[in-house]
Amino acid sequence: MAKKETNEKVKPIILHDTEAGVDYTLEFNRETINFAEQRGFKIEDLGNYPMTKIPELWFYAFRMHHKSVSREKTDKFIFDPEIGFGGISDIPDGVLERLVLLYNQPFEATKTEEERKNSRLTVEL
């Protein structure tokens, strides 16, 4: 019996800027996580420093598909009520949870067990 794949892909967050007619896709890959970590970002700090870390996570989520979007602009999406949400407490339900899932996804194994068996790299301890 085939083993069910447990590493299902988390769907990215897509923001629709209706006034500008632009869509933004938010998700992470190894490169964006490296970028965040090189700047001292730690996902476990979200709960202790939400006013600092939530906007950072939000900004880093843009990096995979929208590297030219500035931190100033991503902060406006959170804090400016005319453009975005109006504050951290006004971020729609489920968005922060999805961002964390998206951030953690690149850490999870993406290969199936069969693909790992066929790897040419072996380890001996």
PDB file of N, CA and C in Angstrom:
ATOM      1  N   MET A   1       0.843  -1.185   0.000  1.00  0.00           N
ATOM      2  CA  MET A   1       0.000   0.000   0.000  1.00  0.00           C
ATOM      3  C   MET A   1       0.888   1.248   0.000  1.00  0.00           C
ATOM      4  N   ALA A   2       0.592   2.184  -0.850  1.00  0.00           N
ATOM      5  CA  ALA A   2       1.398   3.404  -0.964  1.00  0.00           C
ATOM      6  C   ALA A   2       1.224   4.269   0.275  1.00  0.00           C
ATOM      7  N   LYS A   3       2.331   4.808   0.741  1.00  0.00           N
ATOM      8  CA  LYS A   3       2.321   5.683   1.903  1.00  0.00           C
ATOM      9  C   LYS A   3       1.853   7.073   1.484  1.00  0.00           C
ATOM     10  N   LYS A   4       0.905   7.654   2.234  1.00  0.00           N
ATOM     11  CA  LYS A   4       0.392   8.983   1.919  1.00  0.00           C
ATOM     12  C   LYS A   4       1.482  10.026   2.187  1.00  0.00           C
ATOM     13  N   GLU A   5       1.647  10.940   1.252  1.00  0.00           N
ATOM     14  CA  GLU A   5       2.628  12.014   1.402  1.00  0.00           C
ATOM     15  C   GLU A   5       2.139  12.979   2.472  1.00  0.00           C
ATOM     16  N   THR A   6       2.956  13.198   3.510  1.00  0.00           N
ATOM     17  CA  THR A   6       2.558  14.058   4.616  1.00  0.00           C
ATOM     18  C   THR A   6       3.003  15.501   4.429  1.00  0.00           C
ATOM     19  N   ASN A   7       3.851  15.764   3.473  1.00  0.00           N
ATOM     20  CA  ASN A   7       4.373  17.112   3.262  1.00  0.00           C
ATOM     21  C   ASN A   7       3.578  17.833   2.183  1.00  0.00           C
ATOM     22  N   GLU A   8       2.307  18.070   2.450  1.00  0.00           N
ATOM     23  CA  GLU A   8       1.475  18.766   1.486  1.00  0.00           C
ATOM     24  C   GLU A   8       1.896  20.225   1.399  1.00  0.00           C
ATOM     25  N   LYS A   9       1.867  20.757   0.204  1.00  0.00           N
ATOM     26  CA  LYS A   9       2.281  22.142  -0.018  1.00  0.00           C
ATOM     27  C   LYS A   9       1.255  23.101   0.565  1.00  0.00           C
ATOM     28  N   VAL A  10       1.760  24.102   1.277  1.00  0.00           N
ATOM     29  CA  VAL A  10       0.918  25.159   1.824  1.00  0.00           C
ATOM     30  C   VAL A  10       0.726  26.191   0.720  1.00  0.00           C
ATOM     31  N   LYS A  11      -0.518  26.575   0.478  1.00  0.00           N
ATOM     32  CA  LYS A  11      -0.795  27.561  -0.566  1.00  0.00           C
ATOM     33  C   LYS A  11      -0.244  28.919  -0.158  1.00  0.00           C
ATOM     34  N   PRO A  12       0.340  29.647  -1.112  1.00  0.00           N
ATOM     35  CA  PRO A  12       0.831  30.996  -0.798  1.00  0.00           C
ATOM     36  C   PRO A  12      -0.320  31.943  -0.496  1.00  0.00           C
ATOM     37  N   ILE A  13       0.005  33.055   0.111  1.00  0.00           N
ATOM     38  CA  ILE A  13      -0.965  34.126   0.338  1.00  0.00           C
ATOM     39  C   ILE A  13      -0.896  35.035  -0.881  1.00  0.00           C
ATOM     40  N   ILE A  14      -2.039  35.398  -1.405  1.00  0.00           N
ATOM     41  CA  ILE A  14      -2.067  36.310  -2.543  1.00  0.00           C
ATOM     42  C   ILE A  14      -2.836  37.557  -2.124  1.00  0.00           C
ATOM     43  N   LEU A  15      -2.155  38.696  -2.204  1.00  0.00           N
ATOM     44  CA  LEU A  15      -2.768  39.986  -1.910  1.00  0.00           C
ATOM     45  C   LEU A  15      -3.177  40.634  -3.224  1.00  0.00           C
ATOM     46  N   HIS A  16      -4.365  41.190  -3.256  1.00  0.00           N
ATOM     47  CA  HIS A  16      -4.848  41.895  -4.438  1.00  0.00           C
ATOM     48  C   HIS A  16      -4.954  43.377  -4.092  1.00  0.00           C
ATOM     49  N   ASP A  17      -4.116  44.193  -4.712  1.00  0.00           N
ATOM     50  CA  ASP A  17      -4.209  45.644  -4.567  1.00  0.00           C
ATOM     51  C   ASP A  17      -5.155  46.114  -5.664  1.00  0.00           C
ATOM     52  N   THR A  18      -6.412  46.300  -5.278  1.00  0.00           N
ATOM     53  CA  THR A  18      -7.447  46.607  -6.271  1.00  0.00           C
ATOM     54  C   THR A  18      -7.272  47.980  -6.909  1.00  0.00           C
ATOM     55  N   GLU A  19      -6.730  48.925  -6.160  1.00  0.00           N
ATOM     56  CA  GLU A  19      -6.547  50.266  -6.720  1.00  0.00           C
ATOM     57  C   GLU A  19      -5.405  50.299  -7.732  1.00  0.00           C
ATOM     58  N   ALA A  20      -4.303  49.644  -7.401  1.00  0.00           N
ATOM     59  CA  ALA A  20      -3.146  49.632  -8.298  1.00  0.00           C
ATOM     60  C   ALA A  20      -3.246  48.531  -9.353  1.00  0.00           C
ATOM     61  N   GLY A  21      -4.151  47.582  -9.147  1.00  0.00           N
ATOM     62  CA  GLY A  21      -4.284  46.474 -10.087  1.00  0.00           C
ATOM     63  C   GLY A  21      -3.114  45.516 -10.052  1.00  0.00           C
ATOM     64  N   VAL A  22      -2.528  45.327  -8.860  1.00  0.00           N
ATOM     65  CA  VAL A  22      -1.354  44.482  -8.702  1.00  0.00           C
ATOM     66  C   VAL A  22      -1.671  43.360  -7.722  1.00  0.00           C
ATOM     67  N   ASP A  23      -1.196  42.167  -8.035  1.00  0.00           N
ATOM     68  CA  ASP A  23      -1.287  41.039  -7.117  1.00  0.00           C
ATOM     69  C   ASP A  23       0.094  40.731  -6.566  1.00  0.00           C
ATOM     70  N   TYR A  24       0.155  40.398  -5.289  1.00  0.00           N
ATOM     71  CA  TYR A  24       1.400  40.040  -4.620  1.00  0.00           C
ATOM     72  C   TYR A  24       1.267  38.624  -4.084  1.00  0.00           C
ATOM     73  N   THR A  25       2.246  37.787  -4.391  1.00  0.00           N
ATOM     74  CA  THR A  25       2.270  36.418  -3.900  1.00  0.00           C
ATOM     75  C   THR A  25       3.292  36.328  -2.783  1.00  0.00           C
ATOM     76  N   LEU A  26       2.826  35.897  -1.612  1.00  0.00           N
ATOM     77  CA  LEU A  26       3.684  35.811  -0.433  1.00  0.00           C
ATOM     78  C   LEU A  26       3.969  34.352  -0.111  1.00  0.00           C
ATOM     79  N   GLU A  27       5.247  34.009  -0.113  1.00  0.00           N
ATOM     80  CA  GLU A  27       5.692  32.688   0.318  1.00  0.00           C
ATOM     81  C   GLU A  27       7.201  32.716   0.505  1.00  0.00           C
ATOM     82  N   PHE A  28       7.766  31.593   0.918  1.00  0.00           N
ATOM     83  CA  PHE A  28       9.182  31.517   1.244  1.00  0.00           C
ATOM     84  C   PHE A  28       9.845  30.357   0.517  1.00  0.00           C
ATOM     85  N   ASN A  29      11.130  30.524   0.258  1.00  0.00           N
ATOM     86  CA  ASN A  29      11.985  29.436  -0.194  1.00  0.00           C
ATOM     87  C   ASN A  29      13.291  29.538   0.594  1.00  0.00           C
ATOM     88  N   ARG A  30      14.232  28.668   0.300  1.00  0.00           N
ATOM     89  CA  ARG A  30      15.507  28.686   1.035  1.00  0.00           C
ATOM     90  C   ARG A  30      16.201  30.039   0.940  1.00  0.00           C
ATOM     91  N   GLU A  31      16.179  30.628  -0.236  1.00  0.00           N
ATOM     92  CA  GLU A  31      16.854  31.911  -0.440  1.00  0.00           C
ATOM     93  C   GLU A  31      16.255  33.015   0.434  1.00  0.00           C
ATOM     94  N   THR A  32      14.941  33.073   0.513  1.00  0.00           N
ATOM     95  CA  THR A  32      14.319  34.131   1.319  1.00  0.00           C
ATOM     96  C   THR A  32      14.536  33.895   2.805  1.00  0.00           C
ATOM     97  N   ILE A  33      14.568  32.638   3.208  1.00  0.00           N
ATOM     98  CA  ILE A  33      14.839  32.347   4.621  1.00  0.00           C
ATOM     99  C   ILE A  33      16.287  32.683   4.952  1.00  0.00           C
ATOM    100  N   ASN A  34      17.211  32.373   4.055  1.00  0.00           N
ATOM    101  CA  ASN A  34      18.608  32.775   4.265  1.00  0.00           C
ATOM    102  C   ASN A  34      18.714  34.289   4.407  1.00  0.00           C
ATOM    103  N   PHE A  35      18.024  35.023   3.554  1.00  0.00           N
ATOM    104  CA  PHE A  35      18.016  36.485   3.609  1.00  0.00           C
ATOM    105  C   PHE A  35      17.536  36.958   4.985  1.00  0.00           C
ATOM    106  N   ALA A  36      16.439  36.381   5.459  1.00  0.00           N
ATOM    107  CA  ALA A  36      15.886  36.759   6.764  1.00  0.00           C
ATOM    108  C   ALA A  36      16.845  36.410   7.904  1.00  0.00           C
ATOM    109  N   GLU A  37      17.390  35.204   7.884  1.00  0.00           N
ATOM    110  CA  GLU A  37      18.289  34.772   8.961  1.00  0.00           C
ATOM    111  C   GLU A  37      19.578  35.590   8.986  1.00  0.00           C
ATOM    112  N   GLN A  38      20.080  35.982   7.831  1.00  0.00           N
ATOM    113  CA  GLN A  38      21.287  36.798   7.783  1.00  0.00           C
ATOM    114  C   GLN A  38      21.067  38.164   8.425  1.00  0.00           C
ATOM    115  N   ARG A  39      19.826  38.556   8.531  1.00  0.00           N
ATOM    116  CA  ARG A  39      19.478  39.824   9.175  1.00  0.00           C
ATOM    117  C   ARG A  39      18.992  39.635  10.602  1.00  0.00           C
ATOM    118  N   GLY A  40      19.214  38.430  11.144  1.00  0.00           N
ATOM    119  CA  GLY A  40      18.914  38.162  12.546  1.00  0.00           C
ATOM    120  C   GLY A  40      17.487  37.734  12.840  1.00  0.00           C
ATOM    121  N   PHE A  41      16.695  37.437  11.812  1.00  0.00           N
ATOM    122  CA  PHE A  41      15.308  37.041  12.046  1.00  0.00           C
ATOM    123  C   PHE A  41      15.254  35.619  12.612  1.00  0.00           C
ATOM    124  N   LYS A  42      14.433  35.448  13.654  1.00  0.00           N
ATOM    125  CA  LYS A  42      14.176  34.141  14.255  1.00  0.00           C
ATOM    126  C   LYS A  42      12.673  33.991  14.394  1.00  0.00           C
ATOM    127  N   ILE A  43      12.127  32.965  13.780  1.00  0.00           N
ATOM    128  CA  ILE A  43      10.678  32.759  13.787  1.00  0.00           C
ATOM    129  C   ILE A  43      10.136  32.607  15.205  1.00  0.00           C
ATOM    130  N   GLU A  44      10.937  32.059  16.103  1.00  0.00           N
ATOM    131  CA  GLU A  44      10.483  31.859  17.484  1.00  0.00           C
ATOM    132  C   GLU A  44      10.341  33.178  18.254  1.00  0.00           C
ATOM    133  N   ASP A  45      10.838  34.280  17.705  1.00  0.00           N
ATOM    134  CA  ASP A  45      10.705  35.590  18.351  1.00  0.00           C
ATOM    135  C   ASP A  45       9.363  36.274  18.069  1.00  0.00           C
ATOM    136  N   LEU A  46       8.538  35.707  17.185  1.00  0.00           N
ATOM    137  CA  LEU A  46       7.275  36.354  16.826  1.00  0.00           C
ATOM    138  C   LEU A  46       6.405  36.672  18.039  1.00  0.00           C
ATOM    139  N   GLY A  47       6.276  35.721  18.949  1.00  0.00           N
ATOM    140  CA  GLY A  47       5.416  35.920  20.112  1.00  0.00           C
ATOM    141  C   GLY A  47       5.976  36.906  21.121  1.00  0.00           C
ATOM    142  N   ASN A  48       7.290  36.981  21.232  1.00  0.00           N
ATOM    143  CA  ASN A  48       7.920  37.867  22.217  1.00  0.00           C
ATOM    144  C   ASN A  48       8.050  39.310  21.730  1.00  0.00           C
ATOM    145  N   TYR A  49       8.186  39.500  20.427  1.00  0.00           N
ATOM    146  CA  TYR A  49       8.395  40.836  19.868  1.00  0.00           C
ATOM    147  C   TYR A  49       7.474  41.059  18.664  1.00  0.00           C
ATOM    148  N   PRO A  50       6.159  40.992  18.865  1.00  0.00           N
ATOM    149  CA  PRO A  50       5.250  41.049  17.708  1.00  0.00           C
ATOM    150  C   PRO A  50       5.303  42.361  16.922  1.00  0.00           C
ATOM    151  N   MET A  51       5.502  43.487  17.573  1.00  0.00           N
ATOM    152  CA  MET A  51       5.515  44.765  16.861  1.00  0.00           C
ATOM    153  C   MET A  51       6.730  44.882  15.940  1.00  0.00           C
ATOM    154  N   THR A  52       7.783  44.162  16.263  1.00  0.00           N
ATOM    155  CA  THR A  52       8.991  44.160  15.441  1.00  0.00           C
ATOM    156  C   THR A  52       8.993  43.004  14.453  1.00  0.00           C
ATOM    157  N   LYS A  53       8.697  41.816  14.938  1.00  0.00           N
ATOM    158  CA  LYS A  53       8.894  40.606  14.148  1.00  0.00           C
ATOM    159  C   LYS A  53       7.791  40.324  13.138  1.00  0.00           C
ATOM    160  N   ILE A  54       6.545  40.688  13.437  1.00  0.00           N
ATOM    161  CA  ILE A  54       5.477  40.452  12.457  1.00  0.00           C
ATOM    162  C   ILE A  54       5.708  41.273  11.191  1.00  0.00           C
ATOM    163  N   PRO A  55       6.025  42.572  11.290  1.00  0.00           N
ATOM    164  CA  PRO A  55       6.333  43.315  10.054  1.00  0.00           C
ATOM    165  C   PRO A  55       7.562  42.774   9.320  1.00  0.00           C
ATOM    166  N   GLU A  56       8.549  42.267  10.060  1.00  0.00           N
ATOM    167  CA  GLU A  56       9.723  41.670   9.405  1.00  0.00           C
ATOM    168  C   GLU A  56       9.320  40.431   8.616  1.00  0.00           C
ATOM    169  N   LEU A  57       8.567  39.530   9.250  1.00  0.00           N
ATOM    170  CA  LEU A  57       8.118  38.315   8.575  1.00  0.00           C
ATOM    171  C   LEU A  57       7.300  38.661   7.334  1.00  0.00           C
ATOM    172  N   TRP A  58       6.427  39.641   7.478  1.00  0.00           N
ATOM    173  CA  TRP A  58       5.594  40.111   6.377  1.00  0.00           C
ATOM    174  C   TRP A  58       6.476  40.587   5.212  1.00  0.00           C
ATOM    175  N   PHE A  59       7.477  41.409   5.514  1.00  0.00           N
ATOM    176  CA  PHE A  59       8.401  41.908   4.487  1.00  0.00           C
ATOM    177  C   PHE A  59       9.146  40.759   3.809  1.00  0.00           C
ATOM    178  N   TYR A  60       9.670  39.827   4.605  1.00  0.00           N
ATOM    179  CA  TYR A  60      10.431  38.717   4.024  1.00  0.00           C
ATOM    180  C   TYR A  60       9.562  37.837   3.137  1.00  0.00           C
ATOM    181  N   ALA A  61       8.262  37.762   3.427  1.00  0.00           N
ATOM    182  CA  ALA A  61       7.361  36.949   2.612  1.00  0.00           C
ATOM    183  C   ALA A  61       7.225  37.493   1.186  1.00  0.00           C
ATOM    184  N   PHE A  62       7.473  38.768   1.005  1.00  0.00           N
ATOM    185  CA  PHE A  62       7.415  39.373  -0.329  1.00  0.00           C
ATOM    186  C   PHE A  62       8.657  39.034  -1.153  1.00  0.00           C
ATOM    187  N   ARG A  63       9.769  38.737  -0.504  1.00  0.00           N
ATOM    188  CA  ARG A  63      11.065  38.620  -1.169  1.00  0.00           C
ATOM    189  C   ARG A  63      11.119  37.551  -2.258  1.00  0.00           C
ATOM    190  N   MET A  64      10.406  36.475  -2.107  1.00  0.00           N
ATOM    191  CA  MET A  64      10.516  35.386  -3.078  1.00  0.00           C
ATOM    192  C   MET A  64      10.047  35.823  -4.470  1.00  0.00           C
ATOM    193  N   HIS A  65       8.967  36.554  -4.534  1.00  0.00           N
ATOM    194  CA  HIS A  65       8.395  36.934  -5.830  1.00  0.00           C
ATOM    195  C   HIS A  65       8.480  38.428  -6.133  1.00  0.00           C
ATOM    196  N   HIS A  66       8.748  39.238  -5.125  1.00  0.00           N
ATOM    197  CA  HIS A  66       8.681  40.692  -5.295  1.00  0.00           C
ATOM    198  C   HIS A  66       9.864  41.364  -4.596  1.00  0.00           C
ATOM    199  N   LYS A  67      11.066  41.069  -5.044  1.00  0.00           N
ATOM    200  CA  LYS A  67      12.268  41.596  -4.385  1.00  0.00           C
ATOM    201  C   LYS A  67      12.345  43.117  -4.412  1.00  0.00           C
ATOM    202  N   SER A  68      11.697  43.741  -5.357  1.00  0.00           N
ATOM    203  CA  SER A  68      11.792  45.197  -5.464  1.00  0.00           C
ATOM    204  C   SER A  68      10.820  45.935  -4.541  1.00  0.00           C
ATOM    205  N   VAL A  69       9.944  45.207  -3.857  1.00  0.00           N
ATOM    206  CA  VAL A  69       9.003  45.858  -2.940  1.00  0.00           C
ATOM    207  C   VAL A  69       9.760  46.231  -1.665  1.00  0.00           C
ATOM    208  N   SER A  70       9.711  47.494  -1.304  1.00  0.00           N
ATOM    209  CA  SER A  70      10.477  47.998  -0.161  1.00  0.00           C
ATOM    210  C   SER A  70       9.821  47.652   1.170  1.00  0.00           C
ATOM    211  N   ARG A  71      10.625  47.698   2.211  1.00  0.00           N
ATOM    212  CA  ARG A  71      10.107  47.499   3.567  1.00  0.00           C
ATOM    213  C   ARG A  71       9.092  48.595   3.905  1.00  0.00           C
ATOM    214  N   GLU A  72       9.343  49.804   3.445  1.00  0.00           N
ATOM    215  CA  GLU A  72       8.408  50.906   3.684  1.00  0.00           C
ATOM    216  C   GLU A  72       7.022  50.571   3.123  1.00  0.00           C
ATOM    217  N   LYS A  73       6.991  50.002   1.923  1.00  0.00           N
ATOM    218  CA  LYS A  73       5.715  49.658   1.302  1.00  0.00           C
ATOM    219  C   LYS A  73       5.027  48.511   2.033  1.00  0.00           C
ATOM    220  N   THR A  74       5.790  47.474   2.427  1.00  0.00           N
ATOM    221  CA  THR A  74       5.163  46.353   3.135  1.00  0.00           C
ATOM    222  C   THR A  74       4.647  46.791   4.501  1.00  0.00           C
ATOM    223  N   ASP A  75       5.343  47.724   5.145  1.00  0.00           N
ATOM    224  CA  ASP A  75       4.850  48.275   6.417  1.00  0.00           C
ATOM    225  C   ASP A  75       3.544  49.040   6.208  1.00  0.00           C
ATOM    226  N   LYS A  76       3.429  49.750   5.093  1.00  0.00           N
ATOM    227  CA  LYS A  76       2.185  50.473   4.804  1.00  0.00           C
ATOM    228  C   LYS A  76       1.020  49.501   4.640  1.00  0.00           C
ATOM    229  N   PHE A  77       1.286  48.344   4.057  1.00  0.00           N
ATOM    230  CA  PHE A  77       0.225  47.349   3.913  1.00  0.00           C
ATOM    231  C   PHE A  77      -0.313  46.916   5.281  1.00  0.00           C
ATOM    232  N   ILE A  78       0.537  46.922   6.285  1.00  0.00           N
ATOM    233  CA  ILE A  78       0.104  46.537   7.632  1.00  0.00           C
ATOM    234  C   ILE A  78      -0.495  47.724   8.376  1.00  0.00           C
ATOM    235  N   PHE A  79       0.193  48.856   8.385  1.00  0.00           N
ATOM    236  CA  PHE A  79      -0.134  49.934   9.313  1.00  0.00           C
ATOM    237  C   PHE A  79      -0.991  51.074   8.745  1.00  0.00           C
ATOM    238  N   ASP A  80      -0.996  51.277   7.449  1.00  0.00           N
ATOM    239  CA  ASP A  80      -1.735  52.403   6.873  1.00  0.00           C
ATOM    240  C   ASP A  80      -3.162  51.964   6.532  1.00  0.00           C
ATOM    241  N   PRO A  81      -4.161  52.498   7.238  1.00  0.00           N
ATOM    242  CA  PRO A  81      -5.543  52.056   7.002  1.00  0.00           C
ATOM    243  C   PRO A  81      -6.085  52.426   5.619  1.00  0.00           C
ATOM    244  N   GLU A  82      -5.478  53.398   4.960  1.00  0.00           N
ATOM    245  CA  GLU A  82      -5.934  53.768   3.622  1.00  0.00           C
ATOM    246  C   GLU A  82      -5.408  52.818   2.555  1.00  0.00           C
ATOM    247  N   ILE A  83      -4.301  52.148   2.857  1.00  0.00           N
ATOM    248  CA  ILE A  83      -3.685  51.235   1.896  1.00  0.00           C
ATOM    249  C   ILE A  83      -3.909  49.786   2.301  1.00  0.00           C
ATOM    250  N   GLY A  84      -3.745  49.499   3.587  1.00  0.00           N
ATOM    251  CA  GLY A  84      -3.778  48.115   4.045  1.00  0.00           C
ATOM    252  C   GLY A  84      -4.713  47.874   5.204  1.00  0.00           C
ATOM    253  N   PHE A  85      -4.179  47.226   6.223  1.00  0.00           N
ATOM    254  CA  PHE A  85      -4.996  46.730   7.323  1.00  0.00           C
ATOM    255  C   PHE A  85      -5.279  47.760   8.408  1.00  0.00           C
ATOM    256  N   GLY A  86      -4.337  48.636   8.687  1.00  0.00           N
ATOM    257  CA  GLY A  86      -4.522  49.622   9.744  1.00  0.00           C
ATOM    258  C   GLY A  86      -3.836  49.277  11.044  1.00  0.00           C
ATOM    259  N   GLY A  87      -3.125  48.175  11.096  1.00  0.00           N
ATOM    260  CA  GLY A  87      -2.387  47.790  12.295  1.00  0.00           C
ATOM    261  C   GLY A  87      -2.263  46.288  12.416  1.00  0.00           C
ATOM    262  N   ILE A  88      -1.350  45.853  13.266  1.00  0.00           N
ATOM    263  CA  ILE A  88      -1.117  44.423  13.454  1.00  0.00           C
ATOM    264  C   ILE A  88      -2.381  43.714  13.927  1.00  0.00           C
ATOM    265  N   SER A  89      -3.114  44.351  14.830  1.00  0.00           N
ATOM    266  CA  SER A  89      -4.320  43.706  15.354  1.00  0.00           C
ATOM    267  C   SER A  89      -5.428  43.601  14.303  1.00  0.00           C
ATOM    268  N   ASP A  90      -5.281  44.300  13.187  1.00  0.00           N
ATOM    269  CA  ASP A  90      -6.285  44.265  12.126  1.00  0.00           C
ATOM    270  C   ASP A  90      -5.923  43.346  10.961  1.00  0.00           C
ATOM    271  N   ILE A  91      -4.807  42.650  11.065  1.00  0.00           N
ATOM    272  CA  ILE A  91      -4.447  41.679  10.031  1.00  0.00           C
ATOM    273  C   ILE A  91      -5.522  40.592  10.038  1.00  0.00           C
ATOM    274  N   PRO A  92      -6.053  40.240   8.881  1.00  0.00           N
ATOM    275  CA  PRO A  92      -7.142  39.252   8.842  1.00  0.00           C
ATOM    276  C   PRO A  92      -6.767  37.916   9.502  1.00  0.00           C
ATOM    277  N   ASP A  93      -7.779  37.300  10.105  1.00  0.00           N
ATOM    278  CA  ASP A  93      -7.581  36.000  10.753  1.00  0.00           C
ATOM    279  C   ASP A  93      -6.979  35.006   9.770  1.00  0.00           C
ATOM    280  N   GLY A  94      -6.028  34.253  10.259  1.00  0.00           N
ATOM    281  CA  GLY A  94      -5.404  33.205   9.473  1.00  0.00           C
ATOM    282  C   GLY A  94      -4.159  33.619   8.722  1.00  0.00           C
ATOM    283  N   VAL A  95      -3.945  34.923   8.530  1.00  0.00           N
ATOM    284  CA  VAL A  95      -2.798  35.375   7.744  1.00  0.00           C
ATOM    285  C   VAL A  95      -1.483  35.067   8.457  1.00  0.00           C
ATOM    286  N   LEU A  96      -1.371  35.406   9.730  1.00  0.00           N
ATOM    287  CA  LEU A  96      -0.113  35.157  10.445  1.00  0.00           C
ATOM    288  C   LEU A  96       0.173  33.668  10.564  1.00  0.00           C
ATOM    289  N   GLU A  97      -0.866  32.885  10.826  1.00  0.00           N
ATOM    290  CA  GLU A  97      -0.676  31.438  10.915  1.00  0.00           C
ATOM    291  C   GLU A  97      -0.177  30.877   9.589  1.00  0.00           C
ATOM    292  N   ARG A  98      -0.748  31.369   8.485  1.00  0.00           N
ATOM    293  CA  ARG A  98      -0.313  30.908   7.163  1.00  0.00           C
ATOM    294  C   ARG A  98       1.109  31.336   6.872  1.00  0.00           C
ATOM    295  N   LEU A  99       1.486  32.568   7.272  1.00  0.00           N
ATOM    296  CA  LEU A  99       2.866  33.020   7.066  1.00  0.00           C
ATOM    297  C   LEU A  99       3.857  32.101   7.779  1.00  0.00           C
ATOM    298  N   VAL A 100       3.523  31.702   8.995  1.00  0.00           N
ATOM    299  CA  VAL A 100       4.410  30.806   9.753  1.00  0.00           C
ATOM    300  C   VAL A 100       4.501  29.451   9.059  1.00  0.00           C
ATOM    301  N   LEU A 101       3.379  28.923   8.594  1.00  0.00           N
ATOM    302  CA  LEU A 101       3.403  27.653   7.857  1.00  0.00           C
ATOM    303  C   LEU A 101       4.249  27.769   6.599  1.00  0.00           C
ATOM    304  N   LEU A 102       4.093  28.873   5.891  1.00  0.00           N
ATOM    305  CA  LEU A 102       4.878  29.094   4.677  1.00  0.00           C
ATOM    306  C   LEU A 102       6.366  29.215   4.991  1.00  0.00           C
ATOM    307  N   TYR A 103       6.692  29.885   6.088  1.00  0.00           N
ATOM    308  CA  TYR A 103       8.091  30.043   6.497  1.00  0.00           C
ATOM    309  C   TYR A 103       8.712  28.684   6.830  1.00  0.00           C
ATOM    310  N   ASN A 104       7.948  27.835   7.493  1.00  0.00           N
ATOM    311  CA  ASN A 104       8.471  26.530   7.921  1.00  0.00           C
ATOM    312  C   ASN A 104       8.522  25.503   6.801  1.00  0.00           C
ATOM    313  N   GLN A 105       7.777  25.705   5.741  1.00  0.00           N
ATOM    314  CA  GLN A 105       7.688  24.712   4.689  1.00  0.00           C
ATOM    315  C   GLN A 105       9.030  24.331   4.057  1.00  0.00           C
ATOM    316  N   PRO A 106       9.922  25.260   3.735  1.00  0.00           N
ATOM    317  CA  PRO A 106      11.196  24.847   3.134  1.00  0.00           C
ATOM    318  C   PRO A 106      12.057  23.952   4.044  1.00  0.00           C
ATOM    319  N   PHE A 107      11.812  23.968   5.339  1.00  0.00           N
ATOM    320  CA  PHE A 107      12.580  23.128   6.253  1.00  0.00           C
ATOM    321  C   PHE A 107      12.140  21.667   6.189  1.00  0.00           C
ATOM    322  N   GLU A 108      10.912  21.438   5.779  1.00  0.00           N
ATOM    323  CA  GLU A 108      10.376  20.092   5.735  1.00  0.00           C
ATOM    324  C   GLU A 108      10.931  19.354   4.525  1.00  0.00           C
ATOM    325  N   ALA A 109      11.068  18.057   4.680  1.00  0.00           N
ATOM    326  CA  ALA A 109      11.575  17.248   3.570  1.00  0.00           C
ATOM    327  C   ALA A 109      10.604  17.315   2.412  1.00  0.00           C
ATOM    328  N   THR A 110      11.126  17.547   1.230  1.00  0.00           N
ATOM    329  CA  THR A 110      10.270  17.639   0.060  1.00  0.00           C
ATOM    330  C   THR A 110      10.327  16.376  -0.794  1.00  0.00           C
ATOM    331  N   LYS A 111      11.303  15.539  -0.561  1.00  0.00           N
ATOM    332  CA  LYS A 111      11.409  14.317  -1.331  1.00  0.00           C
ATOM    333  C   LYS A 111      10.535  13.229  -0.726  1.00  0.00           C
ATOM    334  N   THR A 112      10.013  12.386  -1.583  1.00  0.00           N
ATOM    335  CA  THR A 112       9.283  11.219  -1.114  1.00  0.00           C
ATOM    336  C   THR A 112      10.298  10.201  -0.614  1.00  0.00           C
ATOM    337  N   GLU A 113       9.814   9.210   0.109  1.00  0.00           N
ATOM    338  CA  GLU A 113      10.708   8.173   0.633  1.00  0.00           C
ATOM    339  C   GLU A 113      11.405   7.449  -0.513  1.00  0.00           C
ATOM    340  N   GLU A 114      10.701   7.216  -1.614  1.00  0.00           N
ATOM    341  CA  GLU A 114      11.292   6.536  -2.769  1.00  0.00           C
ATOM    342  C   GLU A 114      12.425   7.368  -3.372  1.00  0.00           C
ATOM    343  N   GLU A 115      12.241   8.685  -3.464  1.00  0.00           N
ATOM    344  CA  GLU A 115      13.295   9.559  -3.992  1.00  0.00           C
ATOM    345  C   GLU A 115      14.516   9.558  -3.076  1.00  0.00           C
ATOM    346  N   ARG A 116      14.300   9.519  -1.755  1.00  0.00           N
ATOM    347  CA  ARG A 116      15.430   9.471  -0.828  1.00  0.00           C
ATOM    348  C   ARG A 116      16.194   8.161  -0.959  1.00  0.00           C
ATOM    349  N   LYS A 117      15.497   7.058  -1.215  1.00  0.00           N
ATOM    350  CA  LYS A 117      16.153   5.766  -1.392  1.00  0.00           C
ATOM    351  C   LYS A 117      17.061   5.767  -2.612  1.00  0.00           C
ATOM    352  N   ASN A 118      16.684   6.535  -3.622  1.00  0.00           N
ATOM    353  CA  ASN A 118      17.440   6.578  -4.879  1.00  0.00           C
ATOM    354  C   ASN A 118      18.534   7.639  -4.875  1.00  0.00           C
ATOM    355  N   SER A 119      18.753   8.312  -3.781  1.00  0.00           N
ATOM    356  CA  SER A 119      19.796   9.317  -3.697  1.00  0.00           C
ATOM    357  C   SER A 119      21.174   8.678  -3.814  1.00  0.00           C
ATOM    358  N   ARG A 120      22.102   9.353  -4.463  1.00  0.00           N
ATOM    359  CA  ARG A 120      23.455   8.811  -4.588  1.00  0.00           C
ATOM    360  C   ARG A 120      24.303   9.104  -3.366  1.00  0.00           C
ATOM    361  N   LEU A 121      23.832   9.948  -2.488  1.00  0.00           N
ATOM    362  CA  LEU A 121      24.569  10.304  -1.284  1.00  0.00           C
ATOM    363  C   LEU A 121      24.159   9.384  -0.143  1.00  0.00           C
ATOM    364  N   THR A 122      25.146   8.750   0.483  1.00  0.00           N
ATOM    365  CA  THR A 122      24.873   7.908   1.649  1.00  0.00           C
ATOM    366  C   THR A 122      25.701   8.401   2.821  1.00  0.00           C
ATOM    367  N   VAL A 123      25.283   8.029   4.024  1.00  0.00           N
ATOM    368  CA  VAL A 123      25.968   8.453   5.241  1.00  0.00           C
ATOM    369  C   VAL A 123      26.322   7.221   6.053  1.00  0.00           C
ATOM    370  N   GLU A 124      27.536   7.213   6.553  1.00  0.00           N
ATOM    371  CA  GLU A 124      27.965   6.149   7.447  1.00  0.00           C
ATOM    372  C   GLU A 124      28.476   6.795   8.717  1.00  0.00           C
ATOM    373  N   LEU A 125      27.964   6.368   9.856  1.00  0.00           N
ATOM    374  CA  LEU A 125      28.394   6.913  11.136  1.00  0.00           C
ATOM    375  C   LEU A 125      29.195   5.897  11.904  1.00  0.00           C
TER     376      LEU A 125
END
